[in-house]
Amino acid sequence: MDSKIKYRPDIDGLRGIAVLLVVFYHFEKIFLETKIFQGGFVGVDIFFVISGYLISSLLFRELKISKKISFHDFYVRRIKRILPVLSVVIIFTLIITHLIFIPEKYTITVKSAVSSWFFFSNLFFWKQLSTYHAEESVNIPLLHTWSLSVEEQFYILFPVFLFLIFKYFKNKLLISIFCIIVLSLILSTYASFNHPSANFYFLPTRVWEILFGSIIAYFEIFKNRKFTLNKFKVFLTLLSLFLIILFANQANEHTFHPSIITLIPILSVSVLICYCGEKNFITNKILTSKFLVYIGLISYSLYLWHYPIFVLIKNLNIEFKSFYVVSIVILISTFLISSLSYHLIERPFRNKIFNLKLILSPVIIFSFIIIFLNFKNFDYLNNSSKYSK
């Protein structure tokens, strides 16, 4: 049995849709007053399901073949995938914000850079902002990294959880995942009414979305289940695609999300993952179009770059005569930068072979640099406040 997962271009197409929804949602929020993609934040939820499916497929296949998990290999892959582009985006953001922001605004950028690098930015922004949709969010160029922190927290914990359950309660793996999904969904529905900000940012209220992908992977790997649907395949997959777009258009900052309502896009994404691997029908052709697949390939770089670019341009306070023309220029530039980032940074690092020691050295150095910047900025603000008195 091959340890590698068969490449599915339709999954990249789904990624492409997810990142486009997020990009256009943020673009509208920062620059425009339209509400076409007012629920485009659902793109993050799509990413969660896809991530759960792909990561679980890798881990389940490894467990099935070797009865163990190579934590070293898993975390090296995660570091290679996540940190190179993230570090460049953080450096860029810190340099530009230092040039254009007043010290008070630059301070939160430095602090958010630290929290983003150490994957607790979801907790940081929960403490800093009243809600994700708050007005002040357009001044925080690394706000979008909250979702990356949620995923990385999951990546840190999930392999350990899988290993322990598989070793001591092998036959209880599926029911364990299912129970966590139910508990997390109940918690998120409750918290959406009572603690909406924490509900939006926290892993315990988001993990059910990720684990939906894990359930699909479990049946594919351990049960050798091939999801086929002959009679209603076209209708069901097109309906799922339509429901995702509809949710992105109709949901808004007042929607109780994530909650039981979020089952609509989550189940829709799950259907597409299950049934769109088959070729030569309309939904598969849509998802495997060259445009969507390429956007999916650069989706991580595009996700990281778009929000800092939008926020920094917004804070330049430049008045444009024809903003529609400028909008096109901003979007095209963002896509070009993201494409270059994918080809020059992301893909080369992913394809190279590194041992853990070689990877950890620059990671540790960069960690000390941003911690130093945080303390230096803190001292600067303290001294400024003393002189102002």
Protein backbone atom coordinates (compact mmCIF):
# COMPACT_ATOMS: atom_id res chain seq x y z
CA MET A 1 0.00 0.00 0.00
CA ASP A 2 1.44 3.36 -1.10
CA SER A 3 2.02 5.79 1.76
CA LYS A 4 1.36 8.77 -0.52
CA ILE A 5 -2.07 10.24 -1.04
CA LYS A 6 -3.33 10.45 -4.61
CA TYR A 7 -3.42 14.06 -5.79
CA ARG A 8 -6.92 15.40 -6.30
CA PRO A 9 -7.14 18.62 -8.33
CA ASP A 10 -10.76 19.08 -7.23
CA ILE A 11 -9.52 19.59 -3.66
CA ASP A 12 -7.29 22.40 -4.90
CA GLY A 13 -10.32 23.78 -6.73
CA LEU A 14 -12.21 23.79 -3.44
CA ARG A 15 -9.27 25.58 -1.84
CA GLY A 16 -9.44 28.10 -4.66
CA ILE A 17 -13.11 28.82 -3.95
CA ALA A 18 -12.39 29.09 -0.20
CA VAL A 19 -9.57 31.61 -0.56
CA LEU A 20 -11.45 33.68 -3.16
CA LEU A 21 -14.41 33.98 -0.79
CA VAL A 22 -12.12 35.18 2.01
CA VAL A 23 -10.19 37.61 -0.22
CA PHE A 24 -13.32 39.22 -1.66
CA TYR A 25 -14.95 39.34 1.79
CA HIS A 26 -11.96 41.24 3.20
CA PHE A 27 -11.73 43.47 0.14
CA GLU A 28 -15.37 44.50 0.52
CA LYS A 29 -14.97 44.98 4.25
CA ILE A 30 -11.91 47.23 3.95
CA PHE A 31 -12.52 49.15 0.73
CA LEU A 32 -16.12 48.87 -0.41
CA GLU A 33 -19.66 49.16 0.92
CA THR A 34 -21.11 46.28 -1.10
CA LYS A 35 -22.36 43.09 0.54
CA ILE A 36 -21.98 40.47 -2.17
CA PHE A 37 -19.51 38.42 -0.11
CA GLN A 38 -20.61 39.54 3.37
CA GLY A 39 -20.43 35.91 4.53
CA GLY A 40 -17.19 35.18 2.70
CA PHE A 41 -15.57 34.33 6.03
CA VAL A 42 -17.06 30.88 5.47
CA GLY A 43 -14.01 30.26 3.28
CA VAL A 44 -12.08 29.64 6.50
CA ASP A 45 -14.55 26.92 7.47
CA ILE A 46 -14.02 25.28 4.08
CA PHE A 47 -10.27 25.34 4.73
CA PHE A 48 -10.83 23.67 8.10
CA VAL A 49 -12.71 20.73 6.57
CA ILE A 50 -10.14 20.31 3.80
CA SER A 51 -7.25 20.47 6.28
CA GLY A 52 -8.90 17.89 8.50
CA TYR A 53 -9.40 15.59 5.53
CA LEU A 54 -5.86 15.87 4.16
CA ILE A 55 -4.00 15.73 7.48
CA SER A 56 -6.12 12.84 8.72
CA SER A 57 -5.62 10.96 5.45
CA LEU A 58 -1.84 11.17 5.90
CA LEU A 59 -1.94 10.12 9.56
CA PHE A 60 -4.52 7.36 9.10
CA ARG A 61 -2.59 5.89 6.19
CA GLU A 62 0.60 5.91 8.24
CA LEU A 63 -1.19 4.24 11.16
CA LYS A 64 -2.66 1.59 8.88
CA ILE A 65 0.68 0.77 7.27
CA SER A 66 3.17 1.05 10.12
CA LYS A 67 0.92 1.05 13.23
CA LYS A 68 2.64 4.21 14.42
CA ILE A 69 3.07 7.91 13.66
CA SER A 70 6.40 9.50 12.84
CA PHE A 71 6.03 12.71 14.83
CA HIS A 72 9.39 13.91 13.53
CA ASP A 73 8.33 13.63 9.88
CA PHE A 74 4.89 15.08 10.54
CA TYR A 75 6.13 18.21 12.30
CA VAL A 76 8.98 18.75 9.83
CA ARG A 77 6.39 18.72 7.03
CA ARG A 78 4.26 21.22 8.94
CA ILE A 79 7.22 23.52 9.58
CA LYS A 80 8.25 23.43 5.90
CA ARG A 81 4.68 24.10 4.83
CA ILE A 82 3.79 26.88 7.26
CA LEU A 83 6.79 28.87 8.47
CA PRO A 84 8.79 30.06 5.43
CA VAL A 85 6.01 32.16 3.89
CA LEU A 86 4.68 33.18 7.30
CA SER A 87 8.08 34.56 8.34
CA VAL A 88 8.39 36.62 5.14
CA VAL A 89 4.86 38.02 5.54
CA ILE A 90 5.58 38.94 9.16
CA ILE A 91 8.87 40.68 8.25
CA PHE A 92 7.18 42.60 5.42
CA THR A 93 4.28 43.62 7.67
CA LEU A 94 6.54 44.81 10.50
CA ILE A 95 8.72 46.90 8.18
CA ILE A 96 5.81 48.59 6.38
CA THR A 97 3.74 49.19 9.50
CA HIS A 98 6.76 50.73 11.20
CA LEU A 99 6.94 53.23 8.35
CA ILE A 100 3.26 54.20 8.11
CA PHE A 101 1.63 53.51 11.50
CA ILE A 102 1.74 55.65 14.62
CA PRO A 103 3.53 53.93 17.55
CA GLU A 104 0.29 52.82 19.23
CA LYS A 105 -0.91 51.02 16.10
CA TYR A 106 2.54 49.60 15.44
CA THR A 107 2.55 48.13 18.95
CA ILE A 108 -0.40 45.85 18.32
CA THR A 109 1.19 44.79 15.03
CA VAL A 110 4.37 43.70 16.83
CA LYS A 111 2.37 41.85 19.46
CA SER A 112 0.21 40.18 16.84
CA ALA A 113 3.38 39.17 14.95
CA VAL A 114 4.63 37.39 18.07
CA SER A 115 1.29 35.69 18.65
CA SER A 116 1.06 34.68 14.98
CA TRP A 117 4.55 33.19 14.97
CA PHE A 118 3.90 31.17 18.11
CA PHE A 119 0.37 30.19 17.01
CA PHE A 120 -1.74 31.81 19.68
CA SER A 121 -3.00 34.79 17.67
CA ASN A 122 -6.57 33.51 17.94
CA LEU A 123 -6.34 33.97 21.72
CA PHE A 124 -4.55 37.31 21.33
CA PHE A 125 -7.19 38.78 19.04
CA TRP A 126 -9.98 37.42 21.21
CA LYS A 127 -8.57 39.52 24.06
CA GLN A 128 -7.86 42.57 21.89
CA LEU A 129 -11.05 42.90 19.83
CA SER A 130 -14.71 42.93 20.75
CA THR A 131 -15.46 40.79 17.68
CA TYR A 132 -13.68 39.68 14.52
CA HIS A 133 -15.90 42.05 12.55
CA ALA A 134 -15.07 45.08 14.72
CA GLU A 135 -14.17 48.35 12.98
CA GLU A 136 -10.66 48.41 14.45
CA SER A 137 -9.85 45.15 12.66
CA VAL A 138 -8.94 47.09 9.50
CA ASN A 139 -5.91 48.44 11.39
CA ILE A 140 -4.51 45.01 12.26
CA PRO A 141 -2.70 43.55 9.24
CA LEU A 142 -2.10 40.11 10.80
CA LEU A 143 -5.64 39.58 12.11
CA HIS A 144 -6.29 36.80 9.59
CA THR A 145 -3.60 34.60 11.15
CA TRP A 146 -6.09 33.61 13.88
CA SER A 147 -7.28 30.74 11.66
CA LEU A 148 -3.71 29.58 11.09
CA SER A 149 -3.25 29.42 14.86
CA VAL A 150 -6.41 27.31 15.22
CA GLU A 151 -5.14 24.87 12.59
CA GLU A 152 -1.67 24.66 14.08
CA GLN A 153 -3.05 24.04 17.56
CA PHE A 154 -5.02 21.18 16.01
CA TYR A 155 -1.93 19.87 14.22
CA ILE A 156 0.03 19.85 17.48
CA LEU A 157 -2.63 17.96 19.45
CA PHE A 158 -4.30 15.68 16.90
CA PRO A 159 -1.37 13.33 16.09
CA VAL A 160 -0.83 12.70 19.81
CA PHE A 161 -4.55 12.06 20.31
CA LEU A 162 -4.63 9.67 17.34
CA PHE A 163 -1.58 7.77 18.48
CA LEU A 164 -2.92 7.25 22.01
CA ILE A 165 -6.42 6.22 20.88
CA PHE A 166 -5.05 3.90 18.20
CA LYS A 167 -2.62 2.29 20.61
CA TYR A 168 -4.93 1.75 23.58
CA PHE A 169 -8.48 1.97 22.15
CA LYS A 170 -8.03 1.04 18.50
CA ASN A 171 -11.64 0.07 17.94
CA LYS A 172 -12.86 3.31 19.52
CA LEU A 173 -11.17 5.72 17.10
CA LEU A 174 -14.24 6.52 15.02
CA ILE A 175 -16.57 6.88 18.00
CA SER A 176 -13.99 9.08 19.76
CA ILE A 177 -13.81 11.47 16.81
CA PHE A 178 -17.60 11.45 16.49
CA CYS A 179 -18.09 12.27 20.18
CA ILE A 180 -15.68 15.22 19.93
CA ILE A 181 -17.61 16.50 16.89
CA VAL A 182 -20.92 16.35 18.76
CA LEU A 183 -19.55 17.98 21.91
CA SER A 184 -17.75 20.69 19.95
CA LEU A 185 -20.86 21.44 17.84
CA ILE A 186 -23.02 21.72 20.97
CA LEU A 187 -20.42 23.97 22.59
CA SER A 188 -20.12 26.22 19.53
CA THR A 189 -23.91 26.56 19.23
CA TYR A 190 -24.19 27.50 22.90
CA ALA A 191 -21.22 29.88 22.72
CA SER A 192 -22.51 31.55 19.54
CA PHE A 193 -25.37 32.96 21.62
CA ASN A 194 -23.52 33.57 24.88
CA HIS A 195 -19.83 34.11 24.04
CA PRO A 196 -19.70 34.94 20.30
CA SER A 197 -16.15 36.31 20.22
CA ALA A 198 -14.61 33.33 22.01
CA ASN A 199 -16.76 31.03 19.89
CA PHE A 200 -15.33 32.52 16.71
CA TYR A 201 -11.68 32.22 17.73
CA PHE A 202 -11.30 29.11 19.91
CA LEU A 203 -10.20 25.65 18.81
CA PRO A 204 -12.75 23.77 21.00
CA THR A 205 -15.63 25.46 19.14
CA ARG A 206 -13.97 25.01 15.74
CA VAL A 207 -12.58 21.50 15.98
CA TRP A 208 -15.84 19.86 14.88
CA GLU A 209 -15.43 21.49 11.46
CA ILE A 210 -11.92 20.10 11.06
CA LEU A 211 -12.97 16.64 12.25
CA PHE A 212 -15.69 16.41 9.61
CA GLY A 213 -12.81 16.00 7.18
CA SER A 214 -11.27 13.40 9.48
CA ILE A 215 -14.46 11.30 9.37
CA ILE A 216 -14.32 11.18 5.57
CA ALA A 217 -10.64 10.19 5.68
CA TYR A 218 -11.36 7.47 8.26
CA PHE A 219 -13.87 5.71 5.99
CA GLU A 220 -11.58 6.02 2.97
CA ILE A 221 -8.47 4.69 4.71
CA PHE A 222 -9.67 2.21 7.32
CA LYS A 223 -12.88 1.03 5.65
CA ASN A 224 -11.63 1.24 2.04
CA ARG A 225 -14.78 3.17 1.26
CA LYS A 226 -15.00 4.67 -2.19
CA PHE A 227 -17.75 7.26 -2.23
CA THR A 228 -19.77 6.76 -5.39
CA LEU A 229 -23.17 8.17 -6.22
CA ASN A 230 -24.58 7.52 -9.65
CA LYS A 231 -28.16 8.78 -9.69
CA PHE A 232 -27.98 11.99 -7.70
CA LYS A 233 -24.27 12.83 -8.00
CA VAL A 234 -24.66 15.83 -10.30
CA PHE A 235 -27.64 17.27 -8.44
CA LEU A 236 -26.17 16.79 -4.95
CA THR A 237 -22.75 18.23 -5.77
CA LEU A 238 -24.17 21.22 -7.66
CA LEU A 239 -26.57 21.85 -4.76
CA SER A 240 -23.64 21.72 -2.33
CA LEU A 241 -21.66 24.21 -4.39
CA PHE A 242 -24.72 26.48 -4.60
CA LEU A 243 -25.30 26.32 -0.82
CA ILE A 244 -21.69 27.37 -0.13
CA ILE A 245 -22.02 30.40 -2.43
CA LEU A 246 -25.44 31.20 -0.98
CA PHE A 247 -24.10 31.09 2.57
CA ALA A 248 -21.21 33.36 1.56
CA ASN A 249 -23.76 35.85 0.21
CA GLN A 250 -26.44 35.64 2.91
CA ALA A 251 -24.48 35.14 6.14
CA ASN A 252 -23.14 38.25 7.87
CA GLU A 253 -21.55 39.48 11.08
CA HIS A 254 -24.83 38.90 12.93
CA THR A 255 -25.09 35.26 11.92
CA PHE A 256 -24.59 32.83 14.80
CA HIS A 257 -21.39 31.35 13.48
CA PRO A 258 -19.96 28.84 13.98
CA SER A 259 -23.02 26.98 15.24
CA ILE A 260 -25.48 24.39 14.04
CA ILE A 261 -26.26 26.78 11.16
CA THR A 262 -22.69 26.28 9.94
CA LEU A 263 -23.60 22.65 9.20
CA ILE A 264 -24.93 23.96 5.88
CA PRO A 265 -21.50 24.82 4.38
CA ILE A 266 -19.67 22.11 6.34
CA LEU A 267 -21.91 19.31 5.03
CA SER A 268 -21.75 20.86 1.56
CA VAL A 269 -17.93 20.82 1.55
CA SER A 270 -17.99 17.25 2.87
CA VAL A 271 -20.25 16.16 0.00
CA LEU A 272 -17.91 17.79 -2.52
CA ILE A 273 -14.87 16.06 -0.99
CA CYS A 274 -16.66 12.70 -1.04
CA TYR A 275 -18.08 12.76 -4.55
CA CYS A 276 -16.07 15.19 -6.70
CA GLY A 277 -13.04 12.94 -7.01
CA GLU A 278 -14.77 11.20 -9.90
CA LYS A 279 -13.99 12.71 -13.27
CA ASN A 280 -16.06 13.84 -16.20
CA PHE A 281 -19.15 15.40 -14.68
CA ILE A 282 -20.02 19.06 -14.39
CA THR A 283 -19.11 19.77 -10.75
CA ASN A 284 -15.79 18.00 -11.11
CA LYS A 285 -15.07 20.02 -14.25
CA ILE A 286 -15.83 23.25 -12.40
CA LEU A 287 -13.55 22.40 -9.48
CA THR A 288 -10.76 21.10 -11.71
CA SER A 289 -10.73 24.13 -13.99
CA LYS A 290 -7.21 25.45 -14.48
CA PHE A 291 -8.04 28.78 -12.86
CA LEU A 292 -9.50 27.36 -9.64
CA VAL A 293 -6.81 24.69 -9.33
CA TYR A 294 -4.05 27.28 -9.66
CA ILE A 295 -5.72 29.60 -7.15
CA GLY A 296 -5.94 26.57 -4.86
CA LEU A 297 -2.24 25.86 -5.29
CA ILE A 298 -1.31 29.41 -4.27
CA SER A 299 -4.11 29.64 -1.68
CA TYR A 300 -1.83 29.54 1.38
CA SER A 301 0.38 32.34 0.06
CA LEU A 302 -2.67 34.28 -1.13
CA TYR A 303 -4.36 33.90 2.25
CA LEU A 304 -1.29 35.17 4.11
CA TRP A 305 -0.51 38.08 1.81
CA HIS A 306 -3.90 39.57 0.96
CA TYR A 307 -4.94 40.98 4.34
CA PRO A 308 -1.67 42.81 5.19
CA ILE A 309 -1.66 44.31 1.68
CA PHE A 310 -5.28 45.48 1.97
CA VAL A 311 -4.84 46.92 5.48
CA LEU A 312 -1.59 48.69 4.68
CA ILE A 313 -3.01 50.29 1.51
CA LYS A 314 -6.11 51.36 3.45
CA ASN A 315 -3.95 53.03 6.10
CA LEU A 316 -2.03 55.05 3.52
CA ASN A 317 -5.20 57.21 3.30
CA ILE A 318 -4.68 57.93 -0.38
CA GLU A 319 -7.65 59.36 -2.26
CA PHE A 320 -8.11 57.76 -5.67
CA LYS A 321 -10.00 59.37 -8.55
CA SER A 322 -11.18 56.07 -9.96
CA PHE A 323 -11.21 53.51 -7.19
CA TYR A 324 -12.65 50.76 -9.40
CA VAL A 325 -9.55 50.86 -11.57
CA VAL A 326 -7.36 50.96 -8.46
CA SER A 327 -9.33 48.02 -7.02
CA ILE A 328 -8.43 45.92 -10.02
CA VAL A 329 -4.78 46.95 -9.69
CA ILE A 330 -4.76 46.07 -5.96
CA LEU A 331 -6.33 42.66 -6.56
CA ILE A 332 -4.09 41.80 -9.51
CA SER A 333 -1.00 42.92 -7.55
CA THR A 334 -2.06 40.79 -4.59
CA PHE A 335 -2.48 37.74 -6.79
CA LEU A 336 0.90 38.35 -8.47
CA ILE A 337 2.72 38.72 -5.13
CA SER A 338 1.04 35.56 -3.87
CA SER A 339 2.00 33.68 -7.03
CA LEU A 340 5.63 34.76 -6.68
CA SER A 341 5.53 33.78 -3.02
CA TYR A 342 4.29 30.31 -3.94
CA HIS A 343 6.88 29.71 -6.65
CA LEU A 344 9.91 31.34 -4.97
CA ILE A 345 9.33 30.52 -1.29
CA GLU A 346 6.55 28.06 -0.57
CA ARG A 347 7.15 25.36 -3.19
CA PRO A 348 10.98 25.27 -2.99
CA PHE A 349 10.88 24.80 0.80
CA ARG A 350 8.20 22.12 0.59
CA ASN A 351 10.17 20.13 -1.97
CA LYS A 352 13.55 20.30 -0.21
CA ILE A 353 14.63 17.69 2.30
CA PHE A 354 15.65 19.10 5.67
CA ASN A 355 16.37 17.43 8.96
CA LEU A 356 14.81 18.82 12.11
CA LYS A 357 18.03 20.42 13.41
CA LEU A 358 18.59 22.34 10.19
CA ILE A 359 15.02 23.62 10.23
CA LEU A 360 14.96 24.57 13.89
CA SER A 361 17.99 26.87 13.68
CA PRO A 362 16.35 29.64 11.58
CA VAL A 363 13.07 29.10 13.44
CA ILE A 364 14.76 29.76 16.79
CA ILE A 365 16.68 32.76 15.44
CA PHE A 366 13.52 34.32 14.01
CA SER A 367 11.69 33.64 17.28
CA PHE A 368 14.32 35.58 19.23
CA ILE A 369 14.18 38.44 16.72
CA ILE A 370 10.45 39.04 17.02
CA ILE A 371 10.56 38.63 20.82
CA PHE A 372 13.36 41.23 20.89
CA LEU A 373 11.31 43.58 18.71
CA ASN A 374 8.38 43.16 21.06
CA PHE A 375 10.43 44.14 24.12
CA LYS A 376 12.17 46.96 22.25
CA ASN A 377 8.83 48.38 21.18
CA PHE A 378 7.55 48.08 24.76
CA ASP A 379 10.55 50.03 26.07
CA TYR A 380 10.12 52.66 23.39
CA LEU A 381 6.49 53.25 24.35
CA ASN A 382 7.36 53.46 28.03
CA ASN A 383 10.08 56.03 27.38
CA SER A 384 7.78 58.03 25.10
CA SER A 385 5.07 58.13 27.74
CA LYS A 386 7.60 59.34 30.36
CA TYR A 387 8.82 62.17 28.11
CA SER A 388 5.27 63.17 27.25
CA LYS A 389 4.60 63.73 30.95
